[in-house]
Amino acid sequence: MSYSIEQKCGKCKKETSCADGMIIRKAVEMIHMLPSRYEGTERVGGHQGGGTVIHDCVYSFEEKTEKE
């Protein structure tokens, strides 16, 4: 199981100065690195979920122009 991230950081003027996208990516990496073990056929501990993390800066997103 795994998580993916949907971000529009690459389209934002603040991509290089904003830490939010990087922090969210690192948090997902940490989830994937949590140790787990199996007891028989059952997975115990670690992360057991999966899905998509949607990072959508609604209020502070500033779209890049074609020149940027």
PDB file of N, CA and C in Angstrom:
ATOM      1  N   MET A   1       0.837  -1.169   0.000  1.00  0.00           N
ATOM      2  CA  MET A   1       0.000   0.000   0.000  1.00  0.00           C
ATOM      3  C   MET A   1       0.882   1.232   0.000  1.00  0.00           C
ATOM      4  N   SER A   2       0.376   2.279  -0.598  1.00  0.00           N
ATOM      5  CA  SER A   2       1.203   3.462  -0.746  1.00  0.00           C
ATOM      6  C   SER A   2       0.343   4.705  -0.858  1.00  0.00           C
ATOM      7  N   TYR A   3       0.982   5.822  -0.655  1.00  0.00           N
ATOM      8  CA  TYR A   3       0.331   7.114  -0.855  1.00  0.00           C
ATOM      9  C   TYR A   3       0.999   7.825  -2.017  1.00  0.00           C
ATOM     10  N   SER A   4       0.211   8.541  -2.786  1.00  0.00           N
ATOM     11  CA  SER A   4       0.750   9.428  -3.799  1.00  0.00           C
ATOM     12  C   SER A   4       0.349  10.848  -3.410  1.00  0.00           C
ATOM     13  N   ILE A   5       0.997  11.820  -4.016  1.00  0.00           N
ATOM     14  CA  ILE A   5       0.717  13.218  -3.692  1.00  0.00           C
ATOM     15  C   ILE A   5       0.353  13.953  -4.968  1.00  0.00           C
ATOM     16  N   GLU A   6      -0.732  14.693  -4.918  1.00  0.00           N
ATOM     17  CA  GLU A   6      -1.091  15.597  -6.014  1.00  0.00           C
ATOM     18  C   GLU A   6      -0.795  17.011  -5.538  1.00  0.00           C
ATOM     19  N   GLN A   7       0.117  17.681  -6.234  1.00  0.00           N
ATOM     20  CA  GLN A   7       0.489  19.046  -5.898  1.00  0.00           C
ATOM     21  C   GLN A   7       0.584  19.870  -7.171  1.00  0.00           C
ATOM     22  N   LYS A   8       0.316  21.161  -7.038  1.00  0.00           N
ATOM     23  CA  LYS A   8       0.488  22.050  -8.183  1.00  0.00           C
ATOM     24  C   LYS A   8       1.628  23.034  -7.923  1.00  0.00           C
ATOM     25  N   CYS A   9       2.556  22.654  -7.054  1.00  0.00           N
ATOM     26  CA  CYS A   9       3.671  23.517  -6.671  1.00  0.00           C
ATOM     27  C   CYS A   9       4.484  23.980  -7.883  1.00  0.00           C
ATOM     28  N   GLY A  10       4.683  23.123  -8.840  1.00  0.00           N
ATOM     29  CA  GLY A  10       5.472  23.468 -10.018  1.00  0.00           C
ATOM     30  C   GLY A  10       4.848  24.568 -10.865  1.00  0.00           C
ATOM     31  N   LYS A  11       3.597  24.840 -10.646  1.00  0.00           N
ATOM     32  CA  LYS A  11       2.901  25.893 -11.394  1.00  0.00           C
ATOM     33  C   LYS A  11       2.771  27.186 -10.590  1.00  0.00           C
ATOM     34  N   CYS A  12       3.343  27.205  -9.371  1.00  0.00           N
ATOM     35  CA  CYS A  12       3.188  28.342  -8.467  1.00  0.00           C
ATOM     36  C   CYS A  12       4.435  29.230  -8.478  1.00  0.00           C
ATOM     37  N   LYS A  13       4.231  30.530  -8.422  1.00  0.00           N
ATOM     38  CA  LYS A  13       5.334  31.493  -8.358  1.00  0.00           C
ATOM     39  C   LYS A  13       6.199  31.287  -7.125  1.00  0.00           C
ATOM     40  N   LYS A  14       5.629  30.764  -6.056  1.00  0.00           N
ATOM     41  CA  LYS A  14       6.336  30.603  -4.788  1.00  0.00           C
ATOM     42  C   LYS A  14       7.012  29.238  -4.642  1.00  0.00           C
ATOM     43  N   GLU A  15       7.105  28.489  -5.723  1.00  0.00           N
ATOM     44  CA  GLU A  15       7.621  27.116  -5.651  1.00  0.00           C
ATOM     45  C   GLU A  15       8.964  27.014  -4.925  1.00  0.00           C
ATOM     46  N   THR A  16       9.896  27.908  -5.192  1.00  0.00           N
ATOM     47  CA  THR A  16      11.230  27.808  -4.594  1.00  0.00           C
ATOM     48  C   THR A  16      11.318  28.416  -3.198  1.00  0.00           C
ATOM     49  N   SER A  17      10.369  29.259  -2.805  1.00  0.00           N
ATOM     50  CA  SER A  17      10.442  29.895  -1.492  1.00  0.00           C
ATOM     51  C   SER A  17       9.479  29.297  -0.465  1.00  0.00           C
ATOM     52  N   CYS A  18       8.538  28.504  -0.897  1.00  0.00           N
ATOM     53  CA  CYS A  18       7.525  27.938  -0.003  1.00  0.00           C
ATOM     54  C   CYS A  18       7.949  26.532   0.436  1.00  0.00           C
ATOM     55  N   ALA A  19       7.866  26.269   1.726  1.00  0.00           N
ATOM     56  CA  ALA A  19       8.280  24.971   2.266  1.00  0.00           C
ATOM     57  C   ALA A  19       7.148  23.954   2.326  1.00  0.00           C
ATOM     58  N   ASP A  20       5.912  24.380   2.134  1.00  0.00           N
ATOM     59  CA  ASP A  20       4.760  23.496   2.337  1.00  0.00           C
ATOM     60  C   ASP A  20       4.836  22.205   1.520  1.00  0.00           C
ATOM     61  N   GLY A  21       5.109  22.325   0.226  1.00  0.00           N
ATOM     62  CA  GLY A  21       5.153  21.148  -0.638  1.00  0.00           C
ATOM     63  C   GLY A  21       6.203  20.155  -0.208  1.00  0.00           C
ATOM     64  N   MET A  22       7.391  20.659   0.151  1.00  0.00           N
ATOM     65  CA  MET A  22       8.478  19.787   0.583  1.00  0.00           C
ATOM     66  C   MET A  22       8.114  19.095   1.895  1.00  0.00           C
ATOM     67  N   ILE A  23       7.527  19.828   2.825  1.00  0.00           N
ATOM     68  CA  ILE A  23       7.152  19.238   4.117  1.00  0.00           C
ATOM     69  C   ILE A  23       6.132  18.117   3.922  1.00  0.00           C
ATOM     70  N   ILE A  24       5.167  18.336   3.057  1.00  0.00           N
ATOM     71  CA  ILE A  24       4.152  17.316   2.798  1.00  0.00           C
ATOM     72  C   ILE A  24       4.774  16.090   2.135  1.00  0.00           C
ATOM     73  N   ARG A  25       5.674  16.298   1.170  1.00  0.00           N
ATOM     74  CA  ARG A  25       6.356  15.168   0.529  1.00  0.00           C
ATOM     75  C   ARG A  25       7.176  14.374   1.539  1.00  0.00           C
ATOM     76  N   LYS A  26       7.899  15.081   2.416  1.00  0.00           N
ATOM     77  CA  LYS A  26       8.720  14.398   3.426  1.00  0.00           C
ATOM     78  C   LYS A  26       7.849  13.628   4.425  1.00  0.00           C
ATOM     79  N   ALA A  27       6.685  14.176   4.769  1.00  0.00           N
ATOM     80  CA  ALA A  27       5.782  13.475   5.683  1.00  0.00           C
ATOM     81  C   ALA A  27       5.321  12.147   5.079  1.00  0.00           C
ATOM     82  N   VAL A  28       5.006  12.156   3.792  1.00  0.00           N
ATOM     83  CA  VAL A  28       4.597  10.924   3.122  1.00  0.00           C
ATOM     84  C   VAL A  28       5.771   9.943   3.072  1.00  0.00           C
ATOM     85  N   GLU A  29       6.982  10.439   2.822  1.00  0.00           N
ATOM     86  CA  GLU A  29       8.158   9.566   2.835  1.00  0.00           C
ATOM     87  C   GLU A  29       8.329   8.913   4.208  1.00  0.00           C
ATOM     88  N   MET A  30       8.110   9.692   5.278  1.00  0.00           N
ATOM     89  CA  MET A  30       8.231   9.140   6.631  1.00  0.00           C
ATOM     90  C   MET A  30       7.213   8.031   6.869  1.00  0.00           C
ATOM     91  N   ILE A  31       5.990   8.226   6.388  1.00  0.00           N
ATOM     92  CA  ILE A  31       4.963   7.188   6.520  1.00  0.00           C
ATOM     93  C   ILE A  31       5.430   5.906   5.843  1.00  0.00           C
ATOM     94  N   HIS A  32       5.996   6.035   4.642  1.00  0.00           N
ATOM     95  CA  HIS A  32       6.442   4.860   3.896  1.00  0.00           C
ATOM     96  C   HIS A  32       7.632   4.161   4.554  1.00  0.00           C
ATOM     97  N   MET A  33       8.405   4.883   5.368  1.00  0.00           N
ATOM     98  CA  MET A  33       9.590   4.301   5.998  1.00  0.00           C
ATOM     99  C   MET A  33       9.303   3.645   7.345  1.00  0.00           C
ATOM    100  N   LEU A  34       8.092   3.774   7.882  1.00  0.00           N
ATOM    101  CA  LEU A  34       7.791   3.181   9.177  1.00  0.00           C
ATOM    102  C   LEU A  34       7.959   1.666   9.128  1.00  0.00           C
ATOM    103  N   PRO A  35       8.615   1.118  10.126  1.00  0.00           N
ATOM    104  CA  PRO A  35       8.834  -0.338  10.114  1.00  0.00           C
ATOM    105  C   PRO A  35       7.538  -1.108  10.383  1.00  0.00           C
ATOM    106  N   SER A  36       7.443  -2.252   9.765  1.00  0.00           N
ATOM    107  CA  SER A  36       6.312  -3.139  10.018  1.00  0.00           C
ATOM    108  C   SER A  36       6.829  -4.575  10.032  1.00  0.00           C
ATOM    109  N   ARG A  37       5.992  -5.458  10.479  1.00  0.00           N
ATOM    110  CA  ARG A  37       6.369  -6.873  10.505  1.00  0.00           C
ATOM    111  C   ARG A  37       5.119  -7.705  10.221  1.00  0.00           C
ATOM    112  N   TYR A  38       5.324  -8.951   9.954  1.00  0.00           N
ATOM    113  CA  TYR A  38       4.199  -9.857   9.709  1.00  0.00           C
ATOM    114  C   TYR A  38       4.117 -10.870  10.828  1.00  0.00           C
ATOM    115  N   GLU A  39       2.914 -11.095  11.295  1.00  0.00           N
ATOM    116  CA  GLU A  39       2.625 -12.186  12.226  1.00  0.00           C
ATOM    117  C   GLU A  39       1.753 -13.157  11.445  1.00  0.00           C
ATOM    118  N   GLY A  40       2.375 -14.192  10.954  1.00  0.00           N
ATOM    119  CA  GLY A  40       1.672 -15.089  10.035  1.00  0.00           C
ATOM    120  C   GLY A  40       1.478 -14.354   8.721  1.00  0.00           C
ATOM    121  N   THR A  41       0.237 -14.202   8.316  1.00  0.00           N
ATOM    122  CA  THR A  41      -0.044 -13.472   7.073  1.00  0.00           C
ATOM    123  C   THR A  41      -0.560 -12.063   7.340  1.00  0.00           C
ATOM    124  N   GLU A  42      -0.623 -11.672   8.640  1.00  0.00           N
ATOM    125  CA  GLU A  42      -1.156 -10.360   8.999  1.00  0.00           C
ATOM    126  C   GLU A  42      -0.027  -9.351   9.217  1.00  0.00           C
ATOM    127  N   ARG A  43      -0.152  -8.192   8.566  1.00  0.00           N
ATOM    128  CA  ARG A  43       0.829  -7.123   8.732  1.00  0.00           C
ATOM    129  C   ARG A  43       0.513  -6.366  10.025  1.00  0.00           C
ATOM    130  N   VAL A  44       1.559  -6.171  10.830  1.00  0.00           N
ATOM    131  CA  VAL A  44       1.395  -5.512  12.122  1.00  0.00           C
ATOM    132  C   VAL A  44       2.325  -4.307  12.168  1.00  0.00           C
ATOM    133  N   GLY A  45       1.814  -3.174  12.622  1.00  0.00           N
ATOM    134  CA  GLY A  45       2.633  -1.975  12.744  1.00  0.00           C
ATOM    135  C   GLY A  45       2.873  -1.316  11.402  1.00  0.00           C
ATOM    136  N   GLY A  46       3.641  -0.270  11.442  1.00  0.00           N
ATOM    137  CA  GLY A  46       3.955   0.455  10.220  1.00  0.00           C
ATOM    138  C   GLY A  46       2.722   1.109   9.622  1.00  0.00           C
ATOM    139  N   HIS A  47       2.847   1.540   8.402  1.00  0.00           N
ATOM    140  CA  HIS A  47       1.694   2.156   7.750  1.00  0.00           C
ATOM    141  C   HIS A  47       0.924   1.101   6.991  1.00  0.00           C
ATOM    142  N   GLN A  48      -0.374   1.188   7.046  1.00  0.00           N
ATOM    143  CA  GLN A  48      -1.209   0.178   6.416  1.00  0.00           C
ATOM    144  C   GLN A  48      -2.263   0.783   5.509  1.00  0.00           C
ATOM    145  N   GLY A  49      -2.205   2.085   5.336  1.00  0.00           N
ATOM    146  CA  GLY A  49      -3.185   2.755   4.483  1.00  0.00           C
ATOM    147  C   GLY A  49      -2.617   3.033   3.109  1.00  0.00           C
ATOM    148  N   GLY A  50      -3.383   3.720   2.333  1.00  0.00           N
ATOM    149  CA  GLY A  50      -2.949   4.101   1.004  1.00  0.00           C
ATOM    150  C   GLY A  50      -3.953   5.041   0.386  1.00  0.00           C
ATOM    151  N   GLY A  51      -3.517   5.757  -0.598  1.00  0.00           N
ATOM    152  CA  GLY A  51      -4.424   6.679  -1.264  1.00  0.00           C
ATOM    153  C   GLY A  51      -3.671   7.865  -1.814  1.00  0.00           C
ATOM    154  N   THR A  52      -4.374   8.965  -1.965  1.00  0.00           N
ATOM    155  CA  THR A  52      -3.798  10.177  -2.530  1.00  0.00           C
ATOM    156  C   THR A  52      -3.915  11.318  -1.537  1.00  0.00           C
ATOM    157  N   VAL A  53      -2.802  12.002  -1.331  1.00  0.00           N
ATOM    158  CA  VAL A  53      -2.784  13.215  -0.526  1.00  0.00           C
ATOM    159  C   VAL A  53      -2.876  14.374  -1.510  1.00  0.00           C
ATOM    160  N   ILE A  54      -3.917  15.168  -1.390  1.00  0.00           N
ATOM    161  CA  ILE A  54      -4.114  16.292  -2.313  1.00  0.00           C
ATOM    162  C   ILE A  54      -3.725  17.581  -1.610  1.00  0.00           C
ATOM    163  N   HIS A  55      -2.664  18.201  -2.107  1.00  0.00           N
ATOM    164  CA  HIS A  55      -2.160  19.465  -1.568  1.00  0.00           C
ATOM    165  C   HIS A  55      -2.619  20.554  -2.536  1.00  0.00           C
ATOM    166  N   ASP A  56      -3.658  21.258  -2.157  1.00  0.00           N
ATOM    167  CA  ASP A  56      -4.269  22.262  -3.032  1.00  0.00           C
ATOM    168  C   ASP A  56      -4.294  23.601  -2.307  1.00  0.00           C
ATOM    169  N   CYS A  57      -3.319  24.441  -2.580  1.00  0.00           N
ATOM    170  CA  CYS A  57      -3.248  25.766  -1.947  1.00  0.00           C
ATOM    171  C   CYS A  57      -4.333  26.652  -2.545  1.00  0.00           C
ATOM    172  N   VAL A  58      -5.448  26.685  -1.897  1.00  0.00           N
ATOM    173  CA  VAL A  58      -6.602  27.420  -2.409  1.00  0.00           C
ATOM    174  C   VAL A  58      -6.427  28.926  -2.240  1.00  0.00           C
ATOM    175  N   TYR A  59      -5.910  29.350  -1.085  1.00  0.00           N
ATOM    176  CA  TYR A  59      -5.894  30.774  -0.769  1.00  0.00           C
ATOM    177  C   TYR A  59      -4.604  31.490  -1.133  1.00  0.00           C
ATOM    178  N   SER A  60      -3.474  30.800  -1.231  1.00  0.00           N
ATOM    179  CA  SER A  60      -2.219  31.501  -1.458  1.00  0.00           C
ATOM    180  C   SER A  60      -1.486  31.078  -2.729  1.00  0.00           C
ATOM    181  N   PHE A  61      -2.098  30.260  -3.549  1.00  0.00           N
ATOM    182  CA  PHE A  61      -1.497  29.825  -4.811  1.00  0.00           C
ATOM    183  C   PHE A  61      -1.427  31.007  -5.778  1.00  0.00           C
ATOM    184  N   GLU A  62      -0.240  31.219  -6.375  1.00  0.00           N
ATOM    185  CA  GLU A  62      -0.054  32.271  -7.376  1.00  0.00           C
ATOM    186  C   GLU A  62       0.506  31.638  -8.644  1.00  0.00           C
ATOM    187  N   GLU A  63      -0.321  31.500  -9.636  1.00  0.00           N
ATOM    188  CA  GLU A  63       0.079  30.808 -10.851  1.00  0.00           C
ATOM    189  C   GLU A  63       1.182  31.553 -11.588  1.00  0.00           C
ATOM    190  N   LYS A  64       2.171  30.781 -12.058  1.00  0.00           N
ATOM    191  CA  LYS A  64       3.278  31.351 -12.838  1.00  0.00           C
ATOM    192  C   LYS A  64       2.739  31.818 -14.189  1.00  0.00           C
ATOM    193  N   THR A  65       3.365  32.854 -14.707  1.00  0.00           N
ATOM    194  CA  THR A  65       3.060  33.281 -16.063  1.00  0.00           C
ATOM    195  C   THR A  65       3.953  32.486 -17.014  1.00  0.00           C
ATOM    196  N   GLU A  66       3.729  32.617 -18.294  1.00  0.00           N
ATOM    197  CA  GLU A  66       4.547  31.869 -19.267  1.00  0.00           C
ATOM    198  C   GLU A  66       6.012  32.265 -19.189  1.00  0.00           C
ATOM    199  N   LYS A  67       6.315  33.491 -18.779  1.00  0.00           N
ATOM    200  CA  LYS A  67       7.698  33.983 -18.705  1.00  0.00           C
ATOM    201  C   LYS A  67       8.442  33.441 -17.498  1.00  0.00           C
ATOM    202  N   GLU A  68       7.724  33.005 -16.487  1.00  0.00           N
ATOM    203  CA  GLU A  68       8.382  32.558 -15.243  1.00  0.00           C
ATOM    204  C   GLU A  68       8.762  31.096 -15.291  1.00  0.00           C
TER     205      GLU A  68
END
